[in-house]
C-alpha atoms as a PDB file:
ATOM      1  CA  MET A   1      13.748 -53.334  18.306  1.00  0.00           C
ATOM      2  CA  ILE A   2      12.248 -50.594  16.261  1.00  0.00           C
ATOM      3  CA  ILE A   3      12.745 -47.060  17.307  1.00  0.00           C
ATOM      4  CA  GLU A   4       9.840 -44.709  16.063  1.00  0.00           C
ATOM      5  CA  LEU A   5      11.331 -41.256  15.875  1.00  0.00           C
ATOM      6  CA  LYS A   6       7.869 -39.640  15.945  1.00  0.00           C
ATOM      7  CA  LYS A   7       7.863 -40.393  19.608  1.00  0.00           C
ATOM      8  CA  PHE A   8      10.519 -37.572  19.880  1.00  0.00           C
ATOM      9  CA  GLY A   9       8.316 -35.226  17.868  1.00  0.00           C
ATOM     10  CA  THR A  10       7.518 -34.472  14.238  1.00  0.00           C
ATOM     11  CA  THR A  11      10.073 -31.832  13.888  1.00  0.00           C
ATOM     12  CA  LEU A  12      13.431 -32.969  14.745  1.00  0.00           C
ATOM     13  CA  THR A  13      15.883 -30.130  14.243  1.00  0.00           C
ATOM     14  CA  SER A  14      18.453 -29.136  16.882  1.00  0.00           C
ATOM     15  CA  ARG A  15      21.522 -30.822  17.914  1.00  0.00           C
ATOM     16  CA  GLN A  16      20.695 -30.354  21.691  1.00  0.00           C
ATOM     17  CA  SER A  17      17.240 -32.037  21.297  1.00  0.00           C
ATOM     18  CA  GLY A  18      18.893 -34.941  19.247  1.00  0.00           C
ATOM     19  CA  LYS A  19      21.518 -35.427  22.232  1.00  0.00           C
ATOM     20  CA  GLU A  20      18.573 -35.176  24.762  1.00  0.00           C
ATOM     21  CA  ALA A  21      16.576 -37.621  22.899  1.00  0.00           C
ATOM     22  CA  LEU A  22      19.418 -40.114  22.814  1.00  0.00           C
ATOM     23  CA  LEU A  23      20.116 -39.776  26.447  1.00  0.00           C
ATOM     24  CA  ALA A  24      16.459 -40.231  27.417  1.00  0.00           C
ATOM     25  CA  PHE A  25      16.359 -43.462  25.245  1.00  0.00           C
ATOM     26  CA  ARG A  26      19.639 -44.804  26.567  1.00  0.00           C
ATOM     27  CA  PRO A  27      18.098 -46.874  29.411  1.00  0.00           C
ATOM     28  CA  ILE A  28      15.936 -48.761  26.833  1.00  0.00           C
ATOM     29  CA  LEU A  29      18.718 -49.364  24.593  1.00  0.00           C
ATOM     30  CA  ASN A  30      20.766 -50.899  27.389  1.00  0.00           C
ATOM     31  CA  LEU A  31      18.235 -53.591  27.798  1.00  0.00           C
ATOM     32  CA  VAL A  32      18.409 -54.531  24.221  1.00  0.00           C
ATOM     33  CA  PRO A  33      20.018 -58.199  23.723  1.00  0.00           C
ATOM     34  CA  ALA A  34      23.380 -58.259  22.091  1.00  0.00           C
ATOM     35  CA  ASN A  35      22.071 -60.037  19.022  1.00  0.00           C
ATOM     36  CA  GLU A  36      19.117 -57.785  18.325  1.00  0.00           C
ATOM     37  CA  LYS A  37      18.761 -55.438  15.452  1.00  0.00           C
ATOM     38  CA  ILE A  38      17.968 -51.920  15.999  1.00  0.00           C
ATOM     39  CA  GLU A  39      15.874 -50.203  13.375  1.00  0.00           C
ATOM     40  CA  ILE A  40      14.879 -46.586  13.097  1.00  0.00           C
ATOM     41  CA  ASP A  41      11.556 -45.854  11.707  1.00  0.00           C
ATOM     42  CA  PHE A  42      11.068 -42.373  10.282  1.00  0.00           C
ATOM     43  CA  SER A  43       7.134 -42.560   9.892  1.00  0.00           C
ATOM     44  CA  GLY A  44       5.391 -39.522  11.105  1.00  0.00           C
ATOM     45  CA  VAL A  45       8.508 -37.406  11.035  1.00  0.00           C
ATOM     46  CA  ASN A  46       7.942 -34.198   8.839  1.00  0.00           C
ATOM     47  CA  THR A  47      11.218 -32.312   9.361  1.00  0.00           C
ATOM     48  CA  PHE A  48      14.542 -34.021  10.143  1.00  0.00           C
ATOM     49  CA  THR A  49      17.805 -32.088  10.187  1.00  0.00           C
ATOM     50  CA  PRO A  50      21.448 -33.193   9.952  1.00  0.00           C
ATOM     51  CA  SER A  51      22.199 -31.798  13.447  1.00  0.00           C
ATOM     52  CA  TRP A  52      19.426 -33.801  15.189  1.00  0.00           C
ATOM     53  CA  GLY A  53      20.278 -36.852  12.957  1.00  0.00           C
ATOM     54  CA  ASP A  54      24.090 -36.507  13.734  1.00  0.00           C
ATOM     55  CA  GLU A  55      23.564 -36.602  17.502  1.00  0.00           C
ATOM     56  CA  PHE A  56      21.084 -39.543  17.356  1.00  0.00           C
ATOM     57  CA  LEU A  57      21.692 -41.598  14.303  1.00  0.00           C
ATOM     58  CA  THR A  58      25.417 -41.280  13.976  1.00  0.00           C
ATOM     59  CA  SER A  59      25.933 -42.054  17.591  1.00  0.00           C
ATOM     60  CA  LEU A  60      23.889 -45.338  17.183  1.00  0.00           C
ATOM     61  CA  GLN A  61      25.622 -46.197  14.022  1.00  0.00           C
ATOM     62  CA  ASN A  62      28.916 -45.973  15.676  1.00  0.00           C
ATOM     63  CA  GLU A  63      27.848 -48.037  18.593  1.00  0.00           C
ATOM     64  CA  TYR A  64      25.727 -50.829  17.003  1.00  0.00           C
ATOM     65  CA  ARG A  65      27.325 -50.961  13.482  1.00  0.00           C
ATOM     66  CA  GLU A  66      26.144 -54.194  11.612  1.00  0.00           C
ATOM     67  CA  ARG A  67      22.969 -54.427  13.992  1.00  0.00           C
ATOM     68  CA  PHE A  68      21.797 -50.869  13.046  1.00  0.00           C
ATOM     69  CA  PHE A  69      19.341 -50.272  10.271  1.00  0.00           C
ATOM     70  CA  LEU A  70      17.273 -47.208   8.947  1.00  0.00           C
ATOM     71  CA  LYS A  71      13.935 -48.161   7.529  1.00  0.00           C
ATOM     72  CA  GLU A  72      13.493 -46.730   3.966  1.00  0.00           C
ATOM     73  CA  SER A  73      11.762 -43.372   3.931  1.00  0.00           C
ATOM     74  CA  PHE A  74      10.445 -41.348   1.057  1.00  0.00           C
ATOM     75  CA  ASN A  75      10.404 -38.049   3.036  1.00  0.00           C
ATOM     76  CA  LEU A  76      12.821 -35.652   1.347  1.00  0.00           C
ATOM     77  CA  SER A  77      13.954 -34.045   4.604  1.00  0.00           C
ATOM     78  CA  VAL A  78      14.912 -37.571   5.838  1.00  0.00           C
ATOM     79  CA  LYS A  79      16.667 -38.674   2.643  1.00  0.00           C
ATOM     80  CA  ALA A  80      18.680 -35.450   2.421  1.00  0.00           C
ATOM     81  CA  THR A  81      19.786 -35.623   6.037  1.00  0.00           C
ATOM     82  CA  ILE A  82      20.881 -39.155   5.543  1.00  0.00           C
ATOM     83  CA  GLU A  83      23.086 -38.348   2.427  1.00  0.00           C
ATOM     84  CA  ILE A  84      24.548 -35.438   4.341  1.00  0.00           C
ATOM     85  CA  LEU A  85      25.393 -37.650   7.421  1.00  0.00           C
ATOM     86  CA  GLU A  86      26.831 -40.209   5.242  1.00  0.00           C
ATOM     87  CA  GLU A  87      28.952 -37.861   3.332  1.00  0.00           C
ATOM     88  CA  THR A  88      30.053 -35.616   6.357  1.00  0.00           C
ATOM     89  CA  ASN A  89      30.880 -38.665   8.602  1.00  0.00           C
ATOM     90  CA  GLU A  90      32.205 -41.078   5.755  1.00  0.00           C
ATOM     91  CA  ILE A  91      29.776 -43.694   7.004  1.00  0.00           C
ATOM     92  CA  LYS A  92      27.102 -45.818   5.018  1.00  0.00           C
ATOM     93  CA  PHE A  93      23.742 -46.446   6.780  1.00  0.00           C
ATOM     94  CA  GLN A  94      22.050 -49.860   6.073  1.00  0.00           C
ATOM     95  CA  ILE A  95      18.577 -49.073   4.625  1.00  0.00           C
ATOM     96  CA  LYS A  96      15.912 -51.666   5.229  1.00  0.00           C
ATOM     97  CA  LYS A  97      13.085 -51.662   2.678  1.00  0.00           C
END
């Protein structure tokens, strides 16, 4: 399954909206087969902050672990946020090129 974050907007900034996005998407995630990978696509996202990312990405990383991937992004906001989340939460996201 590929999750296109642009469906949640192009400016993903608040912790509350990240939490709401995950809750809104949860019913779809519950339908994903146990062996299917989950990939995050950042295409079309302009601004991506650690607070939004922590609520959405970190939660999914903790739940799906080895099945969870981030598509490579050249957006500096996305790259910086991923680095901050990895350092703060002591995790390493799998990046798919």
